[in-house]
Amino acid sequence: MSEMNDEMAVRAFRRRLLPRLGKIGLGERVRKGDREYPREVPYFRVPEEVAAVYGPRPTELDVLVPTPRIAEWFPVRLKSYGSGGHLKCTGDGETARRFDEETGQWREINCDHRDCPWYREGQCQEIGNLQLVLPRVSMRGVYQIDTSSFYGMNAMYDEWEFFAGIFVAHTGAPEALPSVPFKLVRRVETLEYWDGREGKRRTTSHPILHLVAPDWRIDDLLTIGARYRQMRNPQGAPALPANYGDSSSSEEVGILVEDVEIEDDLVPGAAPEGPDLGQRTAWAAIEEAAEAAGMVVTAFEEAACRQVTSDTTVRRFADLSRTEAEAALAWAAQQIETRKPRKRNGSKDKNVLDTPSAANDIPDDAPDDAPAEGLDLGF
């Protein structure tokens, strides 16, 4: 938990629960004759305050996760309910707690899962309790969605675990996960299943829950990670400057942190920072222009590095320091501006570059191996 939350002094007294503001349904109850039964719907059944924002039948909701651990906001348990809708048994596949009606107490038993007679008779099933924050509605608590969909629960876990793994690997900041804007959607999908009675495969369509992560790039994750490292250790190595990247990228990330600049000379011996987001973006544009001009991009990149550093092991723009990167961009832009690709006597060689003025100095009948005026990139 966050350092802002003080622990209670009395041990074993604190019970952690997410404050619940309401419930969102995935189905409705319909009556047929004297019987009433549940029926799924392809939209979210939402309370009034949510409908005021999204309408009465939304299929997509903006959500935040309340904690970095999915087991805390989407627990999946085996559950069996008795008359009146009261829980009478819950387990995890190994151990269970069953309510003893004679003593009025809960007792721990072995959970046999699929071998349990209650499970085989359909009186017990896997149920997930999804609890998410709806930031456009309220930040005071969570809304809960109960589901027994095998496909929906597994899709949610798969999508969360994939994104969270990538996010933490590149940011080193699992505590930032509750700030990530997700979308919770219901998507009607065609599912295939085996009909044991008919002995053949069948298909059916059902609305499935999905947790859709933002479409971020690696640069966005690196930005978040750098800022969170600075928040943890503001006197540490130089952090990203306040103008890191362009404004549109920062707004898309949406992590509310304060930028604080630390001068490089406050941390003696710190390794120089590599090219920032703006410089890397500019270099990508340079590479496109170089390729369009008929140049071999990798060789052009090495040539740019040789112009700004004496370290012969540095051959990639990404390995330059920020100061070197700025000089390399200026040099490369000048080359792109003053040189154009030229074919000599039908030659298909794209590696020969000439200045516009020099292009007219070579006669049409010059041999293919005639020395070209202009930049020697060492191809």
Protein backbone atom coordinates (compact mmCIF):
# COMPACT_ATOMS: atom_id res chain seq x y z
CA MET A 1 0.00 0.00 0.00
CA SER A 2 1.03 3.62 -0.34
CA GLU A 3 3.18 5.26 2.34
CA MET A 4 0.36 7.79 2.75
CA ASN A 5 -1.80 5.10 4.39
CA ASP A 6 -0.95 4.57 8.06
CA GLU A 7 -1.37 1.09 9.46
CA MET A 8 -3.78 0.54 12.34
CA ALA A 9 -2.16 -0.19 15.68
CA VAL A 10 -4.42 -3.17 16.44
CA ARG A 11 -3.15 -6.19 14.53
CA ALA A 12 -5.58 -8.49 12.72
CA PHE A 13 -8.31 -5.85 13.08
CA ARG A 14 -7.90 -3.99 9.80
CA ARG A 15 -10.02 -5.37 6.96
CA ARG A 16 -9.17 -3.86 3.60
CA LEU A 17 -12.19 -3.24 1.38
CA LEU A 18 -12.50 -1.01 -1.66
CA PRO A 19 -15.28 1.53 -1.08
CA ARG A 20 -18.11 0.50 -3.40
CA LEU A 21 -20.29 3.19 -4.96
CA GLY A 22 -22.62 0.88 -6.87
CA LYS A 23 -22.97 -2.16 -9.10
CA ILE A 24 -23.06 -2.50 -12.86
CA GLY A 25 -24.92 -5.43 -14.40
CA LEU A 26 -24.22 -7.56 -17.45
CA GLY A 27 -27.74 -8.99 -17.71
CA GLU A 28 -31.34 -8.61 -16.68
CA ARG A 29 -34.04 -10.75 -15.15
CA VAL A 30 -36.94 -11.71 -17.37
CA ARG A 31 -40.14 -13.54 -16.53
CA LYS A 32 -41.51 -16.46 -18.50
CA GLY A 33 -44.77 -17.72 -17.09
CA ASP A 34 -44.33 -18.13 -13.36
CA ARG A 35 -40.57 -18.36 -13.61
CA GLU A 36 -37.96 -15.62 -13.56
CA TYR A 37 -34.49 -16.19 -14.97
CA PRO A 38 -31.42 -14.10 -15.91
CA ARG A 39 -30.62 -13.12 -19.51
CA GLU A 40 -27.42 -11.47 -20.67
CA VAL A 41 -27.47 -8.18 -22.56
CA PRO A 42 -24.77 -6.77 -24.91
CA TYR A 43 -24.37 -3.57 -22.91
CA PHE A 44 -23.69 -2.45 -19.34
CA ARG A 45 -26.70 -1.97 -17.07
CA VAL A 46 -25.61 1.12 -15.19
CA PRO A 47 -26.99 3.16 -12.29
CA GLU A 48 -28.37 6.64 -12.88
CA GLU A 49 -25.17 8.58 -12.15
CA VAL A 50 -23.26 6.49 -14.71
CA ALA A 51 -26.09 6.75 -17.26
CA ALA A 52 -25.91 10.53 -16.88
CA VAL A 53 -22.38 10.39 -18.34
CA TYR A 54 -22.51 7.44 -20.74
CA GLY A 55 -26.20 7.03 -21.55
CA PRO A 56 -28.52 4.20 -20.43
CA ARG A 57 -26.91 1.39 -22.44
CA PRO A 58 -23.16 1.96 -22.82
CA THR A 59 -20.86 -0.69 -24.27
CA GLU A 60 -17.66 1.13 -23.29
CA LEU A 61 -16.59 2.76 -20.01
CA ASP A 62 -13.49 4.75 -19.06
CA VAL A 63 -11.90 3.04 -16.06
CA LEU A 64 -8.91 3.10 -13.72
CA VAL A 65 -7.65 0.19 -11.66
CA PRO A 66 -7.61 1.00 -7.91
CA THR A 67 -4.37 -0.90 -7.11
CA PRO A 68 -1.47 -2.43 -9.08
CA ARG A 69 -2.51 -6.01 -8.14
CA ILE A 70 -5.35 -7.52 -10.16
CA ALA A 71 -6.18 -10.03 -7.39
CA GLU A 72 -7.23 -7.08 -5.21
CA TRP A 73 -9.71 -5.60 -7.70
CA PHE A 74 -10.73 -8.67 -9.70
CA PRO A 75 -10.76 -11.67 -7.36
CA VAL A 76 -12.12 -14.89 -8.88
CA ARG A 77 -13.53 -17.46 -6.44
CA LEU A 78 -15.64 -20.56 -6.46
CA LYS A 79 -18.96 -19.61 -4.88
CA SER A 80 -22.17 -21.37 -3.94
CA TYR A 81 -25.30 -19.52 -2.85
CA GLY A 82 -28.24 -20.79 -0.85
CA SER A 83 -31.84 -19.67 -0.55
CA GLY A 84 -32.29 -15.93 -0.36
CA GLY A 85 -29.04 -15.36 -2.28
CA HIS A 86 -26.84 -15.86 0.79
CA LEU A 87 -23.31 -17.17 0.25
CA LYS A 88 -22.89 -20.62 1.76
CA CYS A 89 -19.49 -21.74 0.43
CA THR A 90 -16.47 -20.12 -1.21
CA GLY A 91 -13.14 -21.63 -2.24
CA ASP A 92 -10.05 -21.35 -4.39
CA GLY A 93 -9.87 -24.90 -5.73
CA GLU A 94 -7.78 -26.16 -2.80
CA THR A 95 -9.39 -24.88 0.39
CA ALA A 96 -12.88 -23.55 1.01
CA ARG A 97 -14.94 -21.94 3.75
CA ARG A 98 -18.43 -23.40 4.18
CA PHE A 99 -21.17 -21.98 6.36
CA ASP A 100 -22.40 -24.43 8.97
CA GLU A 101 -26.11 -23.77 9.49
CA GLU A 102 -26.16 -25.76 12.74
CA THR A 103 -23.45 -23.73 14.47
CA GLY A 104 -23.88 -20.50 12.52
CA GLN A 105 -20.10 -20.44 11.95
CA TRP A 106 -17.82 -20.70 8.96
CA ARG A 107 -15.50 -23.72 8.86
CA GLU A 108 -12.57 -24.51 6.60
CA ILE A 109 -12.78 -27.61 4.38
CA ASN A 110 -10.99 -29.06 1.39
CA CYS A 111 -12.16 -27.65 -1.94
CA ASP A 112 -12.61 -30.39 -4.51
CA HIS A 113 -13.55 -27.95 -7.30
CA ARG A 114 -14.80 -30.01 -10.26
CA ASP A 115 -15.08 -33.14 -8.11
CA CYS A 116 -17.34 -31.38 -5.62
CA PRO A 117 -20.97 -32.59 -5.88
CA TRP A 118 -22.22 -29.00 -5.57
CA TYR A 119 -20.05 -28.01 -8.58
CA ARG A 120 -21.15 -31.03 -10.65
CA GLU A 121 -24.78 -30.23 -9.90
CA GLY A 122 -24.36 -26.61 -10.97
CA GLN A 123 -24.77 -25.21 -7.45
CA CYS A 124 -21.22 -23.83 -7.42
CA GLN A 125 -19.31 -21.90 -10.11
CA GLU A 126 -16.38 -19.57 -10.69
CA ILE A 127 -17.41 -15.96 -10.09
CA GLY A 128 -15.30 -12.85 -10.59
CA ASN A 129 -15.98 -9.58 -8.76
CA LEU A 130 -14.55 -6.82 -10.95
CA GLN A 131 -14.09 -3.51 -9.10
CA LEU A 132 -12.95 -0.46 -11.07
CA VAL A 133 -12.92 3.32 -10.72
CA LEU A 134 -15.00 5.29 -13.21
CA PRO A 135 -13.06 8.58 -13.23
CA ARG A 136 -15.63 10.46 -15.32
CA VAL A 137 -18.29 9.59 -12.75
CA SER A 138 -16.55 9.67 -9.36
CA MET A 139 -13.14 9.10 -7.81
CA ARG A 140 -14.58 8.33 -4.37
CA GLY A 141 -14.75 4.56 -4.86
CA VAL A 142 -15.31 1.66 -7.24
CA TYR A 143 -18.19 0.16 -9.18
CA GLN A 144 -18.52 -3.61 -9.06
CA ILE A 145 -19.36 -6.00 -11.90
CA ASP A 146 -20.01 -9.66 -11.12
CA THR A 147 -19.40 -12.20 -13.86
CA SER A 148 -19.24 -15.96 -14.27
CA SER A 149 -18.04 -15.83 -17.89
CA PHE A 150 -15.03 -18.10 -18.42
CA TYR A 151 -14.06 -16.20 -21.56
CA GLY A 152 -14.57 -12.76 -20.06
CA MET A 153 -12.57 -13.46 -16.89
CA ASN A 154 -9.68 -15.02 -18.80
CA ALA A 155 -9.66 -12.23 -21.39
CA MET A 156 -9.45 -9.61 -18.64
CA TYR A 157 -6.61 -11.40 -16.86
CA ASP A 158 -4.69 -12.01 -20.09
CA GLU A 159 -5.00 -8.39 -21.23
CA TRP A 160 -4.04 -7.00 -17.81
CA GLU A 161 -1.06 -9.31 -17.29
CA PHE A 162 0.33 -8.56 -20.75
CA PHE A 163 0.07 -4.78 -20.44
CA ALA A 164 1.19 -4.64 -16.79
CA GLY A 165 4.24 -6.78 -17.59
CA ILE A 166 5.30 -4.54 -20.48
CA PHE A 167 4.52 -1.38 -18.49
CA VAL A 168 6.53 -2.34 -15.40
CA ALA A 169 9.43 -3.69 -17.46
CA HIS A 170 9.89 -0.34 -19.22
CA THR A 171 8.91 2.08 -16.45
CA GLY A 172 10.01 0.26 -13.29
CA ALA A 173 6.98 1.91 -11.71
CA PRO A 174 4.20 -0.54 -10.79
CA GLU A 175 2.76 2.16 -8.53
CA ALA A 176 1.91 4.15 -11.68
CA LEU A 177 -0.52 1.51 -12.97
CA PRO A 178 -3.57 3.05 -11.19
CA SER A 179 -2.94 6.23 -13.23
CA VAL A 180 -3.23 4.44 -16.58
CA PRO A 181 -6.51 5.20 -18.42
CA PHE A 182 -8.12 1.94 -19.57
CA LYS A 183 -11.41 1.27 -21.32
CA LEU A 184 -13.75 -1.52 -20.25
CA VAL A 185 -15.73 -2.77 -23.24
CA ARG A 186 -18.33 -5.41 -24.07
CA ARG A 187 -17.72 -6.98 -27.44
CA VAL A 188 -20.04 -9.54 -29.02
CA GLU A 189 -17.92 -12.48 -30.17
CA THR A 190 -18.56 -15.83 -31.80
CA LEU A 191 -17.43 -18.70 -29.57
CA GLU A 192 -16.94 -22.33 -30.49
CA TYR A 193 -17.82 -25.16 -28.10
CA TRP A 194 -18.22 -28.93 -28.11
CA ASP A 195 -21.75 -30.26 -27.83
CA GLY A 196 -21.32 -33.56 -26.02
CA ARG A 197 -24.88 -34.67 -26.57
CA GLU A 198 -24.76 -34.08 -30.34
CA GLY A 199 -21.11 -35.09 -30.62
CA LYS A 200 -20.08 -32.09 -32.74
CA ARG A 201 -18.78 -28.56 -32.55
CA ARG A 202 -21.19 -25.65 -32.37
CA THR A 203 -20.88 -21.87 -32.31
CA THR A 204 -22.66 -19.27 -30.23
CA SER A 205 -22.41 -15.49 -29.81
CA HIS A 206 -21.96 -13.77 -26.46
CA PRO A 207 -20.84 -10.30 -25.29
CA ILE A 208 -17.37 -10.65 -23.72
CA LEU A 209 -15.64 -8.28 -21.29
CA HIS A 210 -12.32 -6.77 -22.39
CA LEU A 211 -9.85 -4.41 -20.70
CA VAL A 212 -8.39 -2.20 -23.43
CA ALA A 213 -5.09 -0.49 -22.61
CA PRO A 214 -4.09 2.89 -24.11
CA ASP A 215 -2.26 2.74 -27.42
CA TRP A 216 1.07 3.98 -26.08
CA ARG A 217 4.52 3.70 -27.62
CA ILE A 218 7.79 2.81 -25.96
CA ASP A 219 8.67 6.51 -25.67
CA ASP A 220 5.59 7.13 -23.53
CA LEU A 221 6.57 4.36 -21.11
CA LEU A 222 10.14 5.62 -20.87
CA THR A 223 8.82 9.10 -20.09
CA ILE A 224 6.63 7.78 -17.27
CA GLY A 225 9.47 5.70 -15.85
CA ALA A 226 11.90 8.63 -15.82
CA ARG A 227 9.45 10.89 -14.06
CA TYR A 228 8.57 8.34 -11.42
CA ARG A 229 12.25 7.66 -10.74
CA GLN A 230 12.71 11.37 -10.17
CA MET A 231 9.74 11.47 -7.81
CA ARG A 232 11.24 8.65 -5.75
CA ASN A 233 14.70 10.24 -5.62
CA PRO A 234 14.58 13.96 -6.48
CA GLN A 235 18.26 14.40 -5.55
CA GLY A 236 19.46 11.49 -7.67
CA ALA A 237 20.80 11.40 -11.18
CA PRO A 238 19.54 14.00 -13.66
CA ALA A 239 15.91 13.50 -14.59
CA LEU A 240 14.08 14.42 -17.74
CA PRO A 241 13.69 18.18 -18.27
CA ALA A 242 10.28 19.80 -18.09
CA ASN A 243 10.06 20.09 -21.88
CA TYR A 244 10.89 16.41 -22.49
CA GLY A 245 9.19 15.37 -25.74
CA ASP A 246 6.37 17.32 -27.29
CA SER A 247 3.28 18.51 -25.47
CA SER A 248 0.89 16.20 -27.31
CA SER A 249 2.79 13.10 -26.15
CA SER A 250 2.78 14.28 -22.54
CA GLU A 251 -0.95 14.92 -22.61
CA GLU A 252 -1.65 11.48 -24.05
CA VAL A 253 0.25 9.78 -21.25
CA GLY A 254 -1.86 11.58 -18.66
CA ILE A 255 0.30 10.82 -15.60
CA LEU A 256 -0.10 13.72 -13.20
CA VAL A 257 3.41 14.36 -11.91
CA GLU A 258 5.40 17.55 -11.49
CA ASP A 259 8.45 18.10 -13.68
CA VAL A 260 11.51 19.19 -11.75
CA GLU A 261 14.78 20.00 -13.52
CA ILE A 262 18.10 19.03 -11.95
CA GLU A 263 21.26 20.51 -13.44
CA ASP A 264 23.75 17.94 -14.73
CA ASP A 265 26.62 19.34 -12.65
CA LEU A 266 24.74 18.59 -9.41
CA VAL A 267 25.54 14.93 -9.91
CA PRO A 268 29.27 14.59 -10.68
CA GLY A 269 30.20 11.57 -12.75
CA ALA A 270 26.64 10.82 -13.86
CA ALA A 271 26.43 9.23 -17.27
CA PRO A 272 25.21 11.69 -19.93
CA GLU A 273 21.63 11.20 -20.96
CA GLY A 274 20.90 9.90 -24.43
CA PRO A 275 18.77 11.62 -27.06
CA ASP A 276 15.42 12.78 -25.74
CA LEU A 277 12.04 12.10 -27.31
CA GLY A 278 12.12 15.23 -29.43
CA GLN A 279 15.59 14.42 -30.77
CA ARG A 280 14.68 10.81 -31.53
CA THR A 281 11.56 11.98 -33.36
CA ALA A 282 13.62 14.46 -35.38
CA TRP A 283 16.14 11.76 -36.26
CA ALA A 284 13.36 9.48 -37.49
CA ALA A 285 12.30 12.25 -39.87
CA ILE A 286 15.93 12.67 -40.98
CA GLU A 287 16.16 8.96 -41.76
CA GLU A 288 13.01 9.12 -43.89
CA ALA A 289 14.40 12.07 -45.81
CA ALA A 290 17.75 10.32 -46.28
CA GLU A 291 16.08 7.21 -47.62
CA ALA A 292 13.94 9.29 -49.96
CA ALA A 293 17.14 10.93 -51.20
CA GLY A 294 18.50 7.50 -52.14
CA MET A 295 20.96 7.17 -49.25
CA VAL A 296 21.80 4.06 -47.27
CA VAL A 297 20.37 5.00 -43.89
CA THR A 298 22.68 2.89 -41.68
CA ALA A 299 25.79 4.29 -43.33
CA PHE A 300 24.42 7.83 -43.10
CA GLU A 301 23.75 7.27 -39.38
CA GLU A 302 27.34 6.08 -38.83
CA ALA A 303 28.66 9.08 -40.74
CA ALA A 304 26.63 11.42 -38.52
CA CYS A 305 28.05 9.76 -35.41
CA ARG A 306 31.62 10.13 -36.71
CA GLN A 307 31.02 13.85 -37.17
CA VAL A 308 30.18 14.49 -33.52
CA THR A 309 32.13 11.95 -31.43
CA SER A 310 35.63 10.51 -31.46
CA ASP A 311 34.37 7.25 -29.96
CA THR A 312 34.56 4.84 -32.90
CA THR A 313 32.31 2.31 -31.12
CA VAL A 314 29.34 4.68 -31.35
CA ARG A 315 27.56 3.97 -34.63
CA ARG A 316 23.92 4.58 -33.71
CA PHE A 317 22.17 7.87 -33.07
CA ALA A 318 20.52 6.42 -29.95
CA ASP A 319 23.99 5.92 -28.37
CA LEU A 320 24.92 9.59 -28.59
CA SER A 321 24.64 12.01 -25.70
CA ARG A 322 22.03 14.73 -25.93
CA THR A 323 24.64 17.33 -26.84
CA GLU A 324 26.09 15.06 -29.51
CA ALA A 325 22.62 14.22 -30.77
CA GLU A 326 21.84 17.90 -31.25
CA ALA A 327 25.03 18.36 -33.27
CA ALA A 328 24.33 15.23 -35.30
CA LEU A 329 20.84 16.49 -36.15
CA ALA A 330 22.22 19.82 -37.34
CA TRP A 331 24.87 18.12 -39.48
CA ALA A 332 22.43 15.60 -40.95
CA ALA A 333 19.83 18.25 -41.73
CA GLN A 334 22.47 20.23 -43.60
CA GLN A 335 23.42 17.18 -45.66
CA ILE A 336 19.81 16.48 -46.53
CA GLU A 337 19.27 20.10 -47.50
CA THR A 338 22.33 20.49 -49.74
CA ARG A 339 22.54 17.09 -51.39
CA LYS A 340 20.25 15.16 -53.69
CA PRO A 341 20.51 11.67 -55.16
CA ARG A 342 21.95 11.49 -58.66
CA LYS A 343 21.99 8.63 -61.16
CA ARG A 344 24.87 8.67 -63.63
CA ASN A 345 24.27 7.24 -67.09
CA GLY A 346 21.40 5.06 -65.93
CA SER A 347 23.36 3.70 -62.98
CA LYS A 348 21.12 2.29 -60.24
CA ASP A 349 23.66 3.02 -57.54
CA LYS A 350 21.81 5.00 -54.84
CA ASN A 351 24.91 5.63 -52.75
CA VAL A 352 26.39 8.46 -54.86
CA LEU A 353 25.39 11.91 -53.69
CA ASP A 354 26.26 15.26 -55.22
CA THR A 355 25.59 18.85 -54.45
CA PRO A 356 23.20 20.52 -56.90
CA SER A 357 26.02 22.62 -58.30
CA ALA A 358 28.37 19.70 -58.77
CA ALA A 359 25.77 17.59 -60.50
CA ASN A 360 26.08 19.72 -63.68
CA ASP A 361 29.90 19.55 -63.67
CA ILE A 362 30.04 15.85 -64.61
CA PRO A 363 29.67 15.27 -68.34
CA ASP A 364 27.02 12.89 -69.60
CA ASP A 365 29.65 10.60 -71.13
CA ALA A 366 31.65 10.26 -67.89
CA PRO A 367 32.41 6.63 -66.98
CA ASP A 368 30.43 5.00 -64.18
CA ASP A 369 33.48 4.90 -61.93
CA ALA A 370 34.20 8.62 -62.28
CA PRO A 371 34.80 10.23 -58.86
CA ALA A 372 31.69 12.01 -57.65
CA GLU A 373 31.83 15.42 -56.11
CA GLY A 374 30.18 15.54 -52.70
CA LEU A 375 30.02 13.65 -49.48
CA ASP A 376 32.01 10.43 -49.05
CA LEU A 377 29.99 8.28 -46.63
CA GLY A 378 32.46 5.39 -46.72
CA PHE A 379 30.03 2.86 -48.20
